[in-house]
Amino acid sequence: MQKKFDHPTEMFESENGYLGYLLRIASHSYRLKMEKALQPFSITPPQFTVLKIISVYPGYTNAEIARFASLTPQTVNLMINKLVQFGVISKHAHPENKKVLCLKITSQGETLLEQVTVEINQLEENLELDFKQNEIKVIRKWLQHVINF
C-alpha cells in the first residue's frame, strides 16, 4: 500500500510518517543517549555490546562476536585490541586451534560492566516509561518482526 501525504512534511511526522525513517531517528537518538551515559566510563556503545557478549559467551572468537553483534570483523578486531589495552578482556588460545584466539572478560572488565550496566538499565527503564507490560511485549514483538522480515 502506497502512502499518500497531504503535505510533504507528513512523511517525517510520528503519527503518519514512514516507519523506517522513525526507526532510524529513534536508533540514532538512543545511541546518543547511550554515548552520553557511557562517556564517564570511557567506553562506547559498540564496546559495551562486545564486552557484554564476551561476559555472556566467554571463549567466543572475534569472528563469532562480529556475527553476533552485527559488526564487521575489522571493527570488532579494533575494539577487542582496545578492550585488551584497557585490561577489561583477555585473549587465550583456542583449545583445538592454536591460531584462533578466544576472549574472556577480566575481573576489571566485570567491575566495569557492572557499573555501565546500571546506566544502560536506567536507559532501558526510561524507554518503557508510560507503557504497560503488554504494550512493551507488542513493541518487542514488532521489533523482532522488523529484524526478521
N, C-alpha and C. Protein backbone atom coordinates (compact mmCIF):
# COMPACT_ATOMS: atom_id res chain seq x y z
N MET A 1 0.84 -1.17 0.00
CA MET A 1 0.00 0.00 0.00
C MET A 1 0.89 1.24 0.00
N GLN A 2 0.69 2.10 -0.97
CA GLN A 2 1.48 3.32 -1.07
C GLN A 2 0.88 4.39 -0.18
N LYS A 3 1.74 5.04 0.60
CA LYS A 3 1.28 6.10 1.49
C LYS A 3 1.05 7.37 0.68
N LYS A 4 0.00 8.07 1.03
CA LYS A 4 -0.29 9.37 0.41
C LYS A 4 -0.26 10.41 1.50
N PHE A 5 0.42 11.51 1.22
CA PHE A 5 0.56 12.57 2.20
C PHE A 5 -0.04 13.86 1.66
N ASP A 6 -0.77 14.59 2.52
CA ASP A 6 -1.32 15.89 2.13
C ASP A 6 -0.23 16.94 2.06
N HIS A 7 0.74 16.85 2.98
CA HIS A 7 1.88 17.75 3.00
C HIS A 7 3.16 16.91 2.93
N PRO A 8 4.16 17.38 2.23
CA PRO A 8 5.41 16.61 2.14
C PRO A 8 6.04 16.33 3.51
N THR A 9 5.85 17.23 4.48
CA THR A 9 6.47 17.04 5.79
C THR A 9 5.82 15.91 6.59
N GLU A 10 4.62 15.48 6.22
CA GLU A 10 3.92 14.42 6.95
C GLU A 10 4.70 13.11 6.93
N MET A 11 5.50 12.90 5.90
CA MET A 11 6.23 11.64 5.80
C MET A 11 7.26 11.49 6.91
N PHE A 12 7.57 12.60 7.60
CA PHE A 12 8.56 12.57 8.66
C PHE A 12 7.94 12.72 10.05
N GLU A 13 6.62 12.83 10.13
CA GLU A 13 5.96 13.03 11.41
C GLU A 13 5.63 11.68 12.06
N SER A 14 5.62 11.67 13.38
CA SER A 14 5.47 10.41 14.11
C SER A 14 4.11 9.75 13.91
N GLU A 15 3.06 10.51 13.75
CA GLU A 15 1.73 9.91 13.63
C GLU A 15 1.52 9.16 12.31
N ASN A 16 2.00 9.72 11.22
CA ASN A 16 1.74 9.14 9.91
C ASN A 16 3.00 8.86 9.11
N GLY A 17 4.14 9.15 9.67
CA GLY A 17 5.40 9.07 8.92
C GLY A 17 5.84 7.67 8.56
N TYR A 18 6.87 7.61 7.77
CA TYR A 18 7.45 6.34 7.38
C TYR A 18 8.07 5.65 8.60
N LEU A 19 7.72 4.43 8.83
CA LEU A 19 8.24 3.68 9.98
C LEU A 19 9.76 3.53 9.91
N GLY A 20 10.28 3.29 8.71
CA GLY A 20 11.72 3.14 8.56
C GLY A 20 12.47 4.39 8.97
N TYR A 21 11.93 5.54 8.59
CA TYR A 21 12.55 6.81 8.98
C TYR A 21 12.51 6.98 10.50
N LEU A 22 11.36 6.69 11.08
CA LEU A 22 11.22 6.83 12.53
C LEU A 22 12.13 5.86 13.28
N LEU A 23 12.29 4.64 12.76
CA LEU A 23 13.23 3.69 13.37
C LEU A 23 14.65 4.23 13.34
N ARG A 24 15.03 4.79 12.21
CA ARG A 24 16.38 5.34 12.06
C ARG A 24 16.62 6.47 13.05
N ILE A 25 15.66 7.38 13.17
CA ILE A 25 15.79 8.51 14.08
C ILE A 25 15.80 8.03 15.53
N ALA A 26 14.94 7.07 15.84
CA ALA A 26 14.89 6.52 17.21
C ALA A 26 16.21 5.84 17.54
N SER A 27 16.75 5.08 16.61
CA SER A 27 18.02 4.39 16.82
C SER A 27 19.15 5.40 17.07
N HIS A 28 19.17 6.43 16.27
CA HIS A 28 20.20 7.46 16.41
C HIS A 28 20.06 8.16 17.77
N SER A 29 18.86 8.49 18.16
CA SER A 29 18.61 9.16 19.43
C SER A 29 19.05 8.29 20.60
N TYR A 30 18.72 6.99 20.54
CA TYR A 30 19.10 6.08 21.62
C TYR A 30 20.62 5.92 21.68
N ARG A 31 21.25 5.84 20.54
CA ARG A 31 22.71 5.71 20.52
C ARG A 31 23.37 6.93 21.16
N LEU A 32 22.86 8.12 20.88
CA LEU A 32 23.41 9.33 21.50
C LEU A 32 23.23 9.31 23.02
N LYS A 33 22.09 8.82 23.47
CA LYS A 33 21.84 8.69 24.91
C LYS A 33 22.81 7.67 25.54
N MET A 34 23.04 6.58 24.82
CA MET A 34 24.00 5.58 25.31
C MET A 34 25.40 6.18 25.38
N GLU A 35 25.81 6.89 24.35
CA GLU A 35 27.13 7.50 24.32
C GLU A 35 27.32 8.43 25.52
N LYS A 36 26.30 9.23 25.80
CA LYS A 36 26.36 10.17 26.92
C LYS A 36 26.45 9.41 28.25
N ALA A 37 25.67 8.36 28.41
CA ALA A 37 25.67 7.58 29.65
C ALA A 37 26.99 6.84 29.85
N LEU A 38 27.62 6.40 28.77
CA LEU A 38 28.85 5.61 28.87
C LEU A 38 30.12 6.46 28.87
N GLN A 39 29.99 7.72 28.48
CA GLN A 39 31.16 8.60 28.37
C GLN A 39 32.00 8.66 29.65
N PRO A 40 31.41 8.76 30.84
CA PRO A 40 32.24 8.82 32.05
C PRO A 40 33.09 7.56 32.27
N PHE A 41 32.72 6.46 31.61
CA PHE A 41 33.45 5.21 31.76
C PHE A 41 34.44 4.98 30.63
N SER A 42 34.54 5.93 29.71
CA SER A 42 35.44 5.85 28.56
C SER A 42 35.19 4.59 27.72
N ILE A 43 33.92 4.28 27.51
CA ILE A 43 33.55 3.12 26.71
C ILE A 43 32.43 3.56 25.75
N THR A 44 32.48 3.02 24.54
CA THR A 44 31.48 3.37 23.52
C THR A 44 30.35 2.34 23.54
N PRO A 45 29.20 2.67 22.94
CA PRO A 45 28.12 1.68 22.87
C PRO A 45 28.54 0.36 22.20
N PRO A 46 29.26 0.39 21.06
CA PRO A 46 29.69 -0.89 20.48
C PRO A 46 30.65 -1.66 21.40
N GLN A 47 31.53 -0.95 22.11
CA GLN A 47 32.42 -1.62 23.05
C GLN A 47 31.62 -2.26 24.19
N PHE A 48 30.59 -1.55 24.65
CA PHE A 48 29.72 -2.12 25.68
C PHE A 48 29.08 -3.41 25.17
N THR A 49 28.59 -3.38 23.94
CA THR A 49 27.96 -4.56 23.35
C THR A 49 28.94 -5.72 23.29
N VAL A 50 30.14 -5.46 22.83
CA VAL A 50 31.16 -6.51 22.72
C VAL A 50 31.51 -7.04 24.11
N LEU A 51 31.68 -6.15 25.07
CA LEU A 51 32.01 -6.57 26.43
C LEU A 51 30.89 -7.42 27.02
N LYS A 52 29.66 -7.02 26.78
CA LYS A 52 28.50 -7.77 27.28
C LYS A 52 28.45 -9.16 26.64
N ILE A 53 28.70 -9.25 25.34
CA ILE A 53 28.70 -10.55 24.65
C ILE A 53 29.77 -11.45 25.24
N ILE A 54 30.96 -10.91 25.44
CA ILE A 54 32.06 -11.72 25.99
C ILE A 54 31.72 -12.19 27.40
N SER A 55 31.03 -11.36 28.17
CA SER A 55 30.68 -11.77 29.53
C SER A 55 29.66 -12.90 29.53
N VAL A 56 28.76 -12.88 28.55
CA VAL A 56 27.72 -13.91 28.46
C VAL A 56 28.24 -15.16 27.76
N TYR A 57 29.12 -14.96 26.78
CA TYR A 57 29.67 -16.08 26.00
C TYR A 57 31.19 -16.08 26.07
N PRO A 58 31.76 -16.40 27.23
CA PRO A 58 33.22 -16.44 27.33
C PRO A 58 33.79 -17.49 26.38
N GLY A 59 34.90 -17.15 25.76
CA GLY A 59 35.52 -18.08 24.83
C GLY A 59 35.15 -17.82 23.39
N TYR A 60 34.21 -16.89 23.15
CA TYR A 60 33.89 -16.55 21.77
C TYR A 60 35.12 -15.96 21.09
N THR A 61 35.19 -16.14 19.79
CA THR A 61 36.27 -15.56 18.99
C THR A 61 35.81 -14.22 18.42
N ASN A 62 36.75 -13.47 17.86
CA ASN A 62 36.41 -12.21 17.20
C ASN A 62 35.32 -12.41 16.15
N ALA A 63 35.46 -13.45 15.34
CA ALA A 63 34.51 -13.69 14.25
C ALA A 63 33.11 -13.97 14.81
N GLU A 64 33.03 -14.76 15.87
CA GLU A 64 31.73 -15.08 16.47
C GLU A 64 31.08 -13.82 17.06
N ILE A 65 31.89 -12.99 17.67
CA ILE A 65 31.36 -11.74 18.23
C ILE A 65 30.88 -10.83 17.12
N ALA A 66 31.63 -10.74 16.04
CA ALA A 66 31.23 -9.90 14.91
C ALA A 66 29.87 -10.33 14.37
N ARG A 67 29.68 -11.64 14.20
CA ARG A 67 28.38 -12.13 13.70
C ARG A 67 27.27 -11.83 14.70
N PHE A 68 27.51 -12.07 15.96
CA PHE A 68 26.51 -11.89 17.00
C PHE A 68 26.12 -10.42 17.14
N ALA A 69 27.09 -9.52 17.04
CA ALA A 69 26.86 -8.09 17.25
C ALA A 69 26.51 -7.35 15.97
N SER A 70 26.49 -8.04 14.83
CA SER A 70 26.23 -7.41 13.53
C SER A 70 27.24 -6.29 13.24
N LEU A 71 28.49 -6.61 13.52
CA LEU A 71 29.59 -5.69 13.24
C LEU A 71 30.55 -6.38 12.29
N THR A 72 31.39 -5.59 11.63
CA THR A 72 32.37 -6.20 10.75
C THR A 72 33.50 -6.80 11.58
N PRO A 73 34.14 -7.86 11.07
CA PRO A 73 35.29 -8.44 11.80
C PRO A 73 36.39 -7.41 12.05
N GLN A 74 36.61 -6.51 11.09
CA GLN A 74 37.64 -5.50 11.25
C GLN A 74 37.32 -4.56 12.42
N THR A 75 36.06 -4.16 12.52
CA THR A 75 35.63 -3.28 13.61
C THR A 75 35.79 -3.98 14.95
N VAL A 76 35.35 -5.24 15.01
CA VAL A 76 35.47 -5.99 16.25
C VAL A 76 36.93 -6.16 16.63
N ASN A 77 37.79 -6.43 15.67
CA ASN A 77 39.21 -6.59 15.95
C ASN A 77 39.79 -5.33 16.59
N LEU A 78 39.44 -4.17 16.05
CA LEU A 78 39.92 -2.90 16.62
C LEU A 78 39.39 -2.72 18.05
N MET A 79 38.12 -3.03 18.25
CA MET A 79 37.54 -2.89 19.58
C MET A 79 38.16 -3.86 20.57
N ILE A 80 38.37 -5.08 20.15
CA ILE A 80 38.97 -6.09 21.02
C ILE A 80 40.36 -5.64 21.46
N ASN A 81 41.16 -5.15 20.51
CA ASN A 81 42.50 -4.68 20.85
C ASN A 81 42.45 -3.54 21.86
N LYS A 82 41.50 -2.63 21.68
CA LYS A 82 41.34 -1.52 22.62
C LYS A 82 40.90 -2.02 23.99
N LEU A 83 39.97 -2.97 24.03
CA LEU A 83 39.48 -3.51 25.30
C LEU A 83 40.57 -4.31 26.02
N VAL A 84 41.45 -4.96 25.25
CA VAL A 84 42.59 -5.66 25.85
C VAL A 84 43.54 -4.63 26.46
N GLN A 85 43.78 -3.52 25.75
CA GLN A 85 44.63 -2.44 26.27
C GLN A 85 44.05 -1.87 27.56
N PHE A 86 42.73 -1.75 27.63
CA PHE A 86 42.06 -1.25 28.84
C PHE A 86 42.16 -2.25 29.99
N GLY A 87 42.48 -3.51 29.66
CA GLY A 87 42.59 -4.54 30.69
C GLY A 87 41.26 -5.16 31.09
N VAL A 88 40.23 -4.99 30.23
CA VAL A 88 38.90 -5.50 30.59
C VAL A 88 38.58 -6.85 29.96
N ILE A 89 39.38 -7.24 28.97
CA ILE A 89 39.26 -8.59 28.41
C ILE A 89 40.66 -9.16 28.18
N SER A 90 40.71 -10.47 28.08
CA SER A 90 41.98 -11.13 27.78
C SER A 90 41.77 -12.11 26.64
N LYS A 91 42.87 -12.39 25.94
CA LYS A 91 42.85 -13.35 24.84
C LYS A 91 43.58 -14.61 25.28
N HIS A 92 43.09 -15.76 24.83
CA HIS A 92 43.79 -17.01 25.09
C HIS A 92 43.57 -17.94 23.90
N ALA A 93 44.49 -18.87 23.73
CA ALA A 93 44.44 -19.77 22.58
C ALA A 93 43.22 -20.69 22.67
N HIS A 94 42.62 -20.93 21.52
CA HIS A 94 41.50 -21.87 21.41
C HIS A 94 42.03 -23.26 21.74
N PRO A 95 41.28 -24.09 22.47
CA PRO A 95 41.79 -25.41 22.87
C PRO A 95 42.09 -26.34 21.69
N GLU A 96 41.41 -26.15 20.56
CA GLU A 96 41.61 -27.06 19.42
C GLU A 96 42.40 -26.44 18.27
N ASN A 97 42.42 -25.12 18.19
CA ASN A 97 43.10 -24.45 17.10
C ASN A 97 43.92 -23.30 17.69
N LYS A 98 45.20 -23.49 17.83
CA LYS A 98 46.07 -22.52 18.49
C LYS A 98 46.17 -21.19 17.73
N LYS A 99 45.76 -21.15 16.46
CA LYS A 99 45.80 -19.91 15.69
C LYS A 99 44.61 -19.02 16.01
N VAL A 100 43.58 -19.60 16.59
CA VAL A 100 42.36 -18.85 16.93
C VAL A 100 42.44 -18.42 18.38
N LEU A 101 42.11 -17.14 18.63
CA LEU A 101 42.13 -16.62 19.99
C LEU A 101 40.71 -16.49 20.52
N CYS A 102 40.51 -16.95 21.74
CA CYS A 102 39.23 -16.83 22.42
C CYS A 102 39.33 -15.68 23.42
N LEU A 103 38.18 -15.12 23.75
CA LEU A 103 38.16 -13.94 24.59
C LEU A 103 37.45 -14.22 25.90
N LYS A 104 37.94 -13.53 26.94
CA LYS A 104 37.36 -13.69 28.27
C LYS A 104 37.39 -12.35 28.98
N ILE A 105 36.34 -12.05 29.71
CA ILE A 105 36.30 -10.82 30.48
C ILE A 105 37.18 -10.97 31.72
N THR A 106 37.90 -9.91 32.07
CA THR A 106 38.75 -9.93 33.26
C THR A 106 37.94 -9.45 34.47
N SER A 107 38.51 -9.55 35.64
CA SER A 107 37.80 -9.05 36.84
C SER A 107 37.61 -7.54 36.74
N GLN A 108 38.58 -6.85 36.17
CA GLN A 108 38.43 -5.40 35.93
C GLN A 108 37.28 -5.15 34.95
N GLY A 109 37.17 -6.00 33.94
CA GLY A 109 36.08 -5.89 32.97
C GLY A 109 34.73 -6.16 33.60
N GLU A 110 34.68 -7.13 34.51
CA GLU A 110 33.42 -7.42 35.20
C GLU A 110 32.97 -6.23 36.04
N THR A 111 33.92 -5.59 36.70
CA THR A 111 33.60 -4.40 37.51
C THR A 111 33.07 -3.29 36.62
N LEU A 112 33.77 -3.04 35.51
CA LEU A 112 33.34 -2.01 34.57
C LEU A 112 31.95 -2.34 34.03
N LEU A 113 31.74 -3.58 33.65
CA LEU A 113 30.45 -3.99 33.09
C LEU A 113 29.32 -3.81 34.10
N GLU A 114 29.56 -4.12 35.36
CA GLU A 114 28.55 -3.89 36.40
C GLU A 114 28.19 -2.41 36.48
N GLN A 115 29.20 -1.55 36.44
CA GLN A 115 28.96 -0.10 36.54
C GLN A 115 28.19 0.44 35.35
N VAL A 116 28.59 0.06 34.16
CA VAL A 116 27.93 0.61 32.98
C VAL A 116 26.55 -0.01 32.78
N THR A 117 26.36 -1.23 33.24
CA THR A 117 25.06 -1.88 33.11
C THR A 117 24.01 -1.13 33.92
N VAL A 118 24.40 -0.56 35.04
CA VAL A 118 23.47 0.27 35.83
C VAL A 118 22.95 1.42 34.97
N GLU A 119 23.85 2.06 34.25
CA GLU A 119 23.47 3.19 33.38
C GLU A 119 22.58 2.73 32.23
N ILE A 120 22.94 1.62 31.61
CA ILE A 120 22.16 1.11 30.48
C ILE A 120 20.78 0.65 30.95
N ASN A 121 20.72 0.02 32.11
CA ASN A 121 19.42 -0.40 32.65
C ASN A 121 18.52 0.80 32.89
N GLN A 122 19.11 1.92 33.33
CA GLN A 122 18.32 3.14 33.53
C GLN A 122 17.76 3.64 32.20
N LEU A 123 18.57 3.58 31.15
CA LEU A 123 18.08 3.97 29.82
C LEU A 123 16.93 3.06 29.39
N GLU A 124 17.09 1.76 29.63
CA GLU A 124 16.05 0.80 29.26
C GLU A 124 14.75 1.08 30.02
N GLU A 125 14.87 1.39 31.30
CA GLU A 125 13.69 1.73 32.09
C GLU A 125 13.01 2.98 31.53
N ASN A 126 13.80 3.97 31.13
CA ASN A 126 13.24 5.19 30.54
C ASN A 126 12.51 4.91 29.24
N LEU A 127 13.01 3.93 28.47
CA LEU A 127 12.32 3.55 27.23
C LEU A 127 10.92 3.01 27.51
N GLU A 128 10.76 2.36 28.66
CA GLU A 128 9.50 1.70 28.98
C GLU A 128 8.53 2.60 29.75
N LEU A 129 8.98 3.80 30.12
CA LEU A 129 8.10 4.71 30.85
C LEU A 129 6.81 4.94 30.07
N ASP A 130 5.73 5.04 30.77
CA ASP A 130 4.42 5.34 30.18
C ASP A 130 3.85 4.21 29.34
N PHE A 131 4.46 3.03 29.40
CA PHE A 131 3.93 1.87 28.68
C PHE A 131 3.60 0.77 29.66
N LYS A 132 2.52 0.05 29.39
CA LYS A 132 2.17 -1.12 30.19
C LYS A 132 2.98 -2.31 29.68
N GLN A 133 3.12 -3.34 30.52
CA GLN A 133 3.92 -4.51 30.15
C GLN A 133 3.40 -5.18 28.87
N ASN A 134 2.08 -5.24 28.70
CA ASN A 134 1.55 -5.86 27.48
C ASN A 134 1.90 -5.01 26.24
N GLU A 135 1.99 -3.70 26.41
CA GLU A 135 2.40 -2.84 25.30
C GLU A 135 3.87 -3.04 24.97
N ILE A 136 4.69 -3.20 26.00
CA ILE A 136 6.13 -3.47 25.79
C ILE A 136 6.30 -4.78 25.03
N LYS A 137 5.50 -5.79 25.36
CA LYS A 137 5.57 -7.07 24.64
C LYS A 137 5.24 -6.88 23.16
N VAL A 138 4.24 -6.06 22.86
CA VAL A 138 3.88 -5.80 21.46
C VAL A 138 5.02 -5.08 20.75
N ILE A 139 5.62 -4.11 21.41
CA ILE A 139 6.75 -3.38 20.81
C ILE A 139 7.90 -4.33 20.52
N ARG A 140 8.23 -5.19 21.49
CA ARG A 140 9.32 -6.16 21.30
C ARG A 140 8.99 -7.13 20.15
N LYS A 141 7.74 -7.56 20.10
CA LYS A 141 7.32 -8.47 19.03
C LYS A 141 7.45 -7.77 17.68
N TRP A 142 7.04 -6.51 17.60
CA TRP A 142 7.12 -5.77 16.35
C TRP A 142 8.57 -5.56 15.94
N LEU A 143 9.43 -5.20 16.90
CA LEU A 143 10.85 -5.01 16.58
C LEU A 143 11.47 -6.31 16.09
N GLN A 144 11.10 -7.43 16.69
CA GLN A 144 11.60 -8.72 16.24
C GLN A 144 11.12 -9.01 14.82
N HIS A 145 9.89 -8.61 14.53
CA HIS A 145 9.36 -8.76 13.16
C HIS A 145 10.20 -7.95 12.18
N VAL A 146 10.53 -6.71 12.56
CA VAL A 146 11.35 -5.84 11.70
C VAL A 146 12.70 -6.52 11.43
N ILE A 147 13.28 -7.11 12.47
CA ILE A 147 14.58 -7.76 12.33
C ILE A 147 14.49 -8.96 11.39
N ASN A 148 13.40 -9.70 11.47
CA ASN A 148 13.31 -10.98 10.75
C ASN A 148 12.61 -10.92 9.39
N PHE A 149 11.91 -9.83 9.05
CA PHE A 149 11.15 -9.88 7.79
C PHE A 149 11.99 -9.79 6.57
